[in-house]
Amino acid sequence: MTLADTLSSVVQPAVVPAGSTRRNAPSQFVLTLTCQDQVGIVHAVTEFLLAHGANINEHQQFDDPVHGLVHLRTAFSGSLELTHETLQRNFGPIAERFGMRHRIHDQTPPRLLVMVSKSGHCLNDLIFRWRAGGLGGEIALVASNHEDLRPMAEAAGLPFIHIPVSTATKEESEQRLLELVEEHHVDLVVLARYMQILSDDLCRALEGRAINIHHSFLPGFKGARPYHQAYERGVKLVGATAHYVTGDLDEGPIIEQEVIRVDHTHDPRALATVGQDAEALALSRAVRWHCEHRVLLEGSSTVVFR
């Protein structure tokens, strides 16, 4: 099977197997939507939830006057008998009436595939937050083009898959990645300092479902030795940017940015240490917000309900 053959099977969000966690917990859902600003949107949503015996736990809304759009996120709960299928089916006529782009998410934690190379600070932070229950999703496995971080992953009880990458094997390696996404029912791919450029085909297959961390405020200090570049320029702020992956290298829709103030006493090694802190913070926030369905994609930008 070629990479092209595999794409169609992974473009849609993965289906979580039956018997997943929280089966017996009270039903929890999140509705997200975007549509043209018009009268009656909130009334239609609240009336729909009332009709289904649902209770609103959290509601956030952004009216965008520049583009004339409304972005909305509503978290709600209902009886154990209230199902995702019922809500999705019954909300359809409302979505059609208002021209909404919408999703209704159930309480199943998204499953994550974390991609790494040799730097372990982001992986270590993600594992810590996952084990503490603060990541919002479940890390299913770790994959890497190197063996360096196998001990870290396996110490956390996570499967570690080595996928070597070379110019000759790049297409085969990306096909293997897509197979892992399907086999492990992965909802989100997290590039936690994965130092390989993804092909346009792979970026399209994972559109809206892959997050990368970049070691600067984009587009500054691209390429190798970024903190040496920063040192030579005498920077006063070190930052990191978490963004969705697109075919435009390091220019996808931004989810979160973190900044830490530095001064002339920071040599390249000290800048790298500070920068790693910023990277870990920005990435973990972006992953959690995505997993909690707080990020709405809108063209080349995002709306983030924190």
Protein backbone atom coordinates (compact mmCIF):
# COMPACT_ATOMS: atom_id res chain seq x y z
CA MET A 1 0.00 0.00 0.00
CA THR A 2 1.37 3.44 -0.96
CA LEU A 3 1.19 6.66 1.05
CA ALA A 4 -1.52 7.94 -1.29
CA ASP A 5 -3.58 4.79 -0.71
CA THR A 6 -3.35 5.26 3.03
CA LEU A 7 -4.46 8.92 3.12
CA SER A 8 -8.18 8.35 2.67
CA SER A 9 -8.31 5.95 5.61
CA VAL A 10 -6.91 8.46 8.10
CA VAL A 11 -8.28 11.84 7.06
CA GLN A 12 -11.36 11.42 9.27
CA PRO A 13 -10.94 11.52 13.07
CA ALA A 14 -10.19 8.12 14.51
CA VAL A 15 -12.96 6.06 16.10
CA VAL A 16 -12.22 5.13 19.70
CA PRO A 17 -12.87 1.43 20.38
CA ALA A 18 -15.93 0.33 22.28
CA GLY A 19 -15.42 -0.05 26.01
CA SER A 20 -13.29 3.08 26.31
CA THR A 21 -12.83 4.87 29.63
CA ARG A 22 -15.57 6.64 31.57
CA ARG A 23 -18.34 4.46 30.14
CA ASN A 24 -20.35 4.68 33.37
CA ALA A 25 -19.69 8.36 34.12
CA PRO A 26 -22.39 11.02 33.64
CA SER A 27 -22.67 12.11 30.02
CA GLN A 28 -20.47 15.10 29.25
CA PHE A 29 -20.33 16.86 25.88
CA VAL A 30 -18.84 19.91 24.19
CA LEU A 31 -20.47 21.74 21.30
CA THR A 32 -18.29 23.97 19.14
CA LEU A 33 -19.56 25.98 16.21
CA THR A 34 -18.77 28.81 13.83
CA CYS A 35 -21.24 30.65 11.60
CA GLN A 36 -22.21 34.07 10.30
CA ASP A 37 -23.41 36.42 13.01
CA GLN A 38 -27.22 36.50 13.02
CA VAL A 39 -30.14 36.77 15.39
CA GLY A 40 -31.18 33.68 17.33
CA ILE A 41 -28.02 31.57 17.49
CA VAL A 42 -27.65 31.39 21.27
CA HIS A 43 -31.40 30.99 21.71
CA ALA A 44 -31.42 28.04 19.29
CA VAL A 45 -28.52 26.36 21.10
CA THR A 46 -29.95 26.80 24.60
CA GLU A 47 -33.42 25.75 23.48
CA PHE A 48 -31.94 22.60 21.92
CA LEU A 49 -30.08 21.73 25.11
CA LEU A 50 -33.15 22.37 27.25
CA ALA A 51 -35.22 20.09 25.03
CA HIS A 52 -32.68 17.30 25.61
CA GLY A 53 -32.56 17.79 29.39
CA ALA A 54 -28.98 19.05 29.27
CA ASN A 55 -27.33 21.39 31.78
CA ILE A 56 -24.81 23.99 30.58
CA ASN A 57 -21.55 23.75 32.55
CA GLU A 58 -19.50 26.30 30.62
CA HIS A 59 -20.30 28.69 27.79
CA GLN A 60 -17.89 30.90 25.85
CA GLN A 61 -18.58 32.98 22.79
CA PHE A 62 -16.61 35.31 20.52
CA ASP A 63 -18.37 37.65 18.11
CA ASP A 64 -15.84 38.58 15.44
CA PRO A 65 -16.83 42.01 14.04
CA VAL A 66 -14.05 41.98 11.44
CA HIS A 67 -15.30 38.86 9.65
CA GLY A 68 -18.91 38.94 10.86
CA LEU A 69 -18.61 35.51 12.49
CA VAL A 70 -19.73 33.97 15.75
CA HIS A 71 -17.53 31.33 17.44
CA LEU A 72 -19.06 29.38 20.30
CA ARG A 73 -18.05 26.65 22.75
CA THR A 74 -20.59 25.17 25.13
CA ALA A 75 -19.80 22.35 27.57
CA PHE A 76 -22.87 20.58 28.91
CA SER A 77 -23.98 17.44 30.70
CA GLY A 78 -27.03 15.23 30.56
CA SER A 79 -28.48 11.90 31.57
CA LEU A 80 -26.69 8.61 30.92
CA GLU A 81 -29.24 7.92 28.18
CA LEU A 82 -28.20 11.04 26.23
CA THR A 83 -25.89 9.88 23.43
CA HIS A 84 -23.54 11.59 21.04
CA GLU A 85 -25.39 10.06 18.08
CA THR A 86 -28.72 11.48 19.24
CA LEU A 87 -27.30 14.95 19.77
CA GLN A 88 -25.47 14.99 16.45
CA ARG A 89 -28.54 13.84 14.54
CA ASN A 90 -30.99 16.18 16.24
CA PHE A 91 -28.74 19.23 16.02
CA GLY A 92 -28.43 18.82 12.23
CA PRO A 93 -31.49 20.92 11.28
CA ILE A 94 -30.33 23.79 13.52
CA ALA A 95 -26.85 23.73 12.02
CA GLU A 96 -28.32 23.75 8.53
CA ARG A 97 -30.68 26.63 9.31
CA PHE A 98 -27.85 28.88 10.53
CA GLY A 99 -25.14 27.60 8.17
CA MET A 100 -23.02 26.38 11.08
CA ARG A 101 -19.73 24.52 10.96
CA HIS A 102 -20.08 22.52 14.14
CA ARG A 103 -18.85 19.54 16.13
CA ILE A 104 -20.32 17.75 19.13
CA HIS A 105 -17.64 15.99 21.18
CA ASP A 106 -18.26 13.34 23.82
CA GLN A 107 -16.22 12.80 26.98
CA THR A 108 -13.76 10.30 25.48
CA PRO A 109 -10.20 11.67 25.99
CA PRO A 110 -8.41 12.12 22.66
CA ARG A 111 -5.60 9.64 22.02
CA LEU A 112 -2.14 11.12 21.31
CA LEU A 113 0.83 9.98 19.29
CA VAL A 114 3.92 11.90 20.40
CA MET A 115 6.72 12.26 17.84
CA VAL A 116 10.25 13.02 19.09
CA SER A 117 13.86 13.01 17.91
CA LYS A 118 16.65 13.46 20.48
CA SER A 119 15.53 16.32 22.76
CA GLY A 120 13.44 15.00 25.64
CA HIS A 121 12.26 18.08 27.55
CA CYS A 122 8.88 18.35 25.81
CA LEU A 123 8.22 14.61 25.98
CA ASN A 124 9.14 14.56 29.66
CA ASP A 125 6.75 17.44 30.38
CA LEU A 126 3.91 15.83 28.42
CA ILE A 127 4.39 12.51 30.22
CA PHE A 128 4.36 14.25 33.62
CA ARG A 129 1.14 16.13 32.85
CA TRP A 130 -0.48 13.03 31.36
CA ARG A 131 0.32 10.92 34.42
CA ALA A 132 -0.95 13.72 36.67
CA GLY A 133 -4.23 13.85 34.74
CA GLY A 134 -3.71 17.39 33.49
CA LEU A 135 -3.05 16.90 29.79
CA GLY A 136 -6.63 16.44 28.65
CA GLY A 137 -5.78 13.44 26.47
CA GLU A 138 -4.26 9.97 26.68
CA ILE A 139 -0.76 9.35 25.32
CA ALA A 140 -1.10 6.14 23.31
CA LEU A 141 2.49 5.77 22.12
CA VAL A 142 5.74 7.54 21.29
CA ALA A 143 7.45 7.34 17.90
CA SER A 144 10.89 8.62 16.93
CA ASN A 145 13.45 8.66 14.17
CA HIS A 146 16.10 7.96 16.84
CA GLU A 147 16.43 5.55 19.75
CA ASP A 148 17.60 8.11 22.32
CA LEU A 149 14.28 8.61 24.14
CA ARG A 150 13.17 4.98 24.28
CA PRO A 151 14.13 4.67 28.00
CA MET A 152 12.04 7.73 28.91
CA ALA A 153 8.96 6.45 27.08
CA GLU A 154 9.22 2.88 28.29
CA ALA A 155 9.80 3.99 31.89
CA ALA A 156 6.36 5.63 31.66
CA GLY A 157 4.87 2.39 30.32
CA LEU A 158 4.44 3.75 26.80
CA PRO A 159 5.10 1.82 23.59
CA PHE A 160 8.08 3.27 21.71
CA ILE A 161 8.23 2.83 17.93
CA HIS A 162 11.48 3.53 16.08
CA ILE A 163 10.85 4.84 12.57
CA PRO A 164 14.19 5.60 10.87
CA VAL A 165 14.01 8.39 8.30
CA SER A 166 16.30 8.98 5.35
CA THR A 167 15.89 10.60 1.96
CA ALA A 168 15.40 7.19 0.40
CA THR A 169 12.89 5.97 3.00
CA LYS A 170 10.94 9.17 3.76
CA GLU A 171 7.75 8.09 1.98
CA GLU A 172 7.87 4.66 3.59
CA SER A 173 8.44 6.24 7.02
CA GLU A 174 5.48 8.58 6.62
CA GLN A 175 3.29 5.71 5.51
CA ARG A 176 4.29 3.85 8.68
CA LEU A 177 3.33 6.91 10.73
CA LEU A 178 -0.12 6.97 9.14
CA GLU A 179 -0.51 3.26 9.83
CA LEU A 180 0.24 3.91 13.51
CA VAL A 181 -2.38 6.67 13.57
CA GLU A 182 -4.95 4.20 12.30
CA GLU A 183 -3.83 1.16 14.32
CA HIS A 184 -3.79 3.03 17.64
CA HIS A 185 -6.92 5.13 16.98
CA VAL A 186 -4.91 8.34 17.30
CA ASP A 187 -6.81 11.63 17.37
CA LEU A 188 -3.84 14.02 17.65
CA VAL A 189 -0.19 13.82 16.57
CA VAL A 190 2.12 15.93 18.75
CA LEU A 191 5.51 16.89 17.30
CA ALA A 192 7.46 17.35 20.53
CA ARG A 193 10.72 18.58 18.93
CA TYR A 194 10.49 16.06 16.08
CA MET A 195 13.23 17.28 13.78
CA GLN A 196 11.93 16.10 10.42
CA ILE A 197 9.99 18.08 7.82
CA LEU A 198 6.68 16.43 6.97
CA SER A 199 5.60 16.11 3.34
CA ASP A 200 2.66 18.07 1.96
CA ASP A 201 0.68 14.84 1.61
CA LEU A 202 1.19 13.96 5.26
CA CYS A 203 0.33 17.50 6.39
CA ARG A 204 -2.93 17.33 4.45
CA ALA A 205 -3.77 13.92 5.91
CA LEU A 206 -3.26 15.28 9.44
CA GLU A 207 -4.80 18.70 8.87
CA GLY A 208 -6.11 20.08 12.15
CA ARG A 209 -4.85 16.98 13.97
CA ALA A 210 -1.11 17.66 14.34
CA ILE A 211 0.54 20.22 16.63
CA ASN A 212 4.17 21.32 16.45
CA ILE A 213 6.36 23.33 18.80
CA HIS A 214 8.74 25.89 17.35
CA HIS A 215 11.67 27.35 19.26
CA SER A 216 10.87 31.01 18.67
CA PHE A 217 8.19 33.54 17.90
CA LEU A 218 7.60 32.69 14.25
CA PRO A 219 9.31 33.24 11.92
CA GLY A 220 12.47 34.30 13.80
CA PHE A 221 15.57 32.15 14.17
CA LYS A 222 14.61 29.31 11.85
CA GLY A 223 16.89 26.37 11.22
CA ALA A 224 19.83 25.05 13.21
CA ARG A 225 21.30 26.44 16.45
CA PRO A 226 18.43 28.87 17.15
CA TYR A 227 19.69 29.88 20.59
CA HIS A 228 23.13 30.68 19.20
CA GLN A 229 21.37 32.89 16.65
CA ALA A 230 19.44 34.52 19.49
CA TYR A 231 22.63 35.09 21.48
CA GLU A 232 24.37 36.73 18.54
CA ARG A 233 21.42 39.11 18.14
CA GLY A 234 21.36 40.01 21.84
CA VAL A 235 17.74 39.04 22.37
CA LYS A 236 15.88 40.21 25.46
CA LEU A 237 12.97 37.77 25.14
CA VAL A 238 13.03 34.03 24.50
CA GLY A 239 9.83 32.52 23.22
CA ALA A 240 8.20 29.44 21.75
CA THR A 241 5.21 28.93 19.47
CA ALA A 242 2.82 25.97 19.34
CA HIS A 243 0.91 25.75 16.08
CA TYR A 244 -0.98 23.38 13.84
CA VAL A 245 1.08 21.64 11.19
CA THR A 246 0.59 22.70 7.57
CA GLY A 247 2.53 22.34 4.36
CA ASP A 248 3.99 25.81 4.95
CA LEU A 249 6.93 25.08 7.23
CA ASP A 250 6.46 26.54 10.74
CA GLU A 251 3.68 28.84 9.54
CA GLY A 252 0.53 26.97 10.61
CA PRO A 253 -2.28 28.51 12.68
CA ILE A 254 -0.89 29.54 16.07
CA ILE A 255 -2.48 28.08 19.21
CA GLU A 256 -0.21 29.36 21.97
CA GLN A 257 2.98 31.37 22.52
CA GLU A 258 5.12 31.62 25.64
CA VAL A 259 7.77 34.24 26.40
CA ILE A 260 10.44 34.54 29.10
CA ARG A 261 12.59 37.65 29.64
CA VAL A 262 16.39 37.25 29.48
CA ASP A 263 19.39 39.57 29.47
CA HIS A 264 23.05 39.86 28.47
CA THR A 265 24.16 37.39 31.13
CA HIS A 266 22.48 34.48 29.31
CA ASP A 267 24.97 32.60 27.16
CA PRO A 268 23.70 30.17 24.46
CA ARG A 269 23.47 27.32 26.96
CA ALA A 270 21.43 29.38 29.43
CA LEU A 271 19.21 30.65 26.61
CA ALA A 272 18.59 27.05 25.52
CA THR A 273 17.55 26.10 29.06
CA VAL A 274 15.13 29.01 29.28
CA GLY A 275 13.89 28.27 25.78
CA GLN A 276 13.17 24.66 26.63
CA ASP A 277 10.97 25.81 29.51
CA ALA A 278 9.04 28.05 27.11
CA GLU A 279 8.68 25.23 24.59
CA ALA A 280 7.33 22.77 27.15
CA LEU A 281 4.82 25.29 28.52
CA ALA A 282 3.51 26.41 25.13
CA LEU A 283 3.21 22.87 23.80
CA SER A 284 1.44 21.40 26.83
CA ARG A 285 -1.08 24.25 26.87
CA ALA A 286 -1.77 23.85 23.16
CA VAL A 287 -2.26 20.10 23.51
CA ARG A 288 -4.58 20.47 26.51
CA TRP A 289 -6.67 23.18 24.86
CA HIS A 290 -7.00 21.07 21.71
CA CYS A 291 -7.98 18.00 23.72
CA GLU A 292 -10.58 20.03 25.62
CA HIS A 293 -12.00 21.28 22.30
CA ARG A 294 -11.12 24.88 23.11
CA VAL A 295 -9.42 25.64 19.78
CA LEU A 296 -11.47 26.59 16.73
CA LEU A 297 -9.61 26.80 13.44
CA GLU A 298 -10.52 29.76 11.27
CA GLY A 299 -8.45 29.95 8.09
CA SER A 300 -4.84 30.70 8.97
CA SER A 301 -5.73 31.65 12.54
CA THR A 302 -7.43 30.22 15.62
CA VAL A 303 -9.95 31.17 18.26
CA VAL A 304 -8.88 29.76 21.65
CA PHE A 305 -11.39 29.61 24.50
CA ARG A 306 -9.07 29.30 27.52
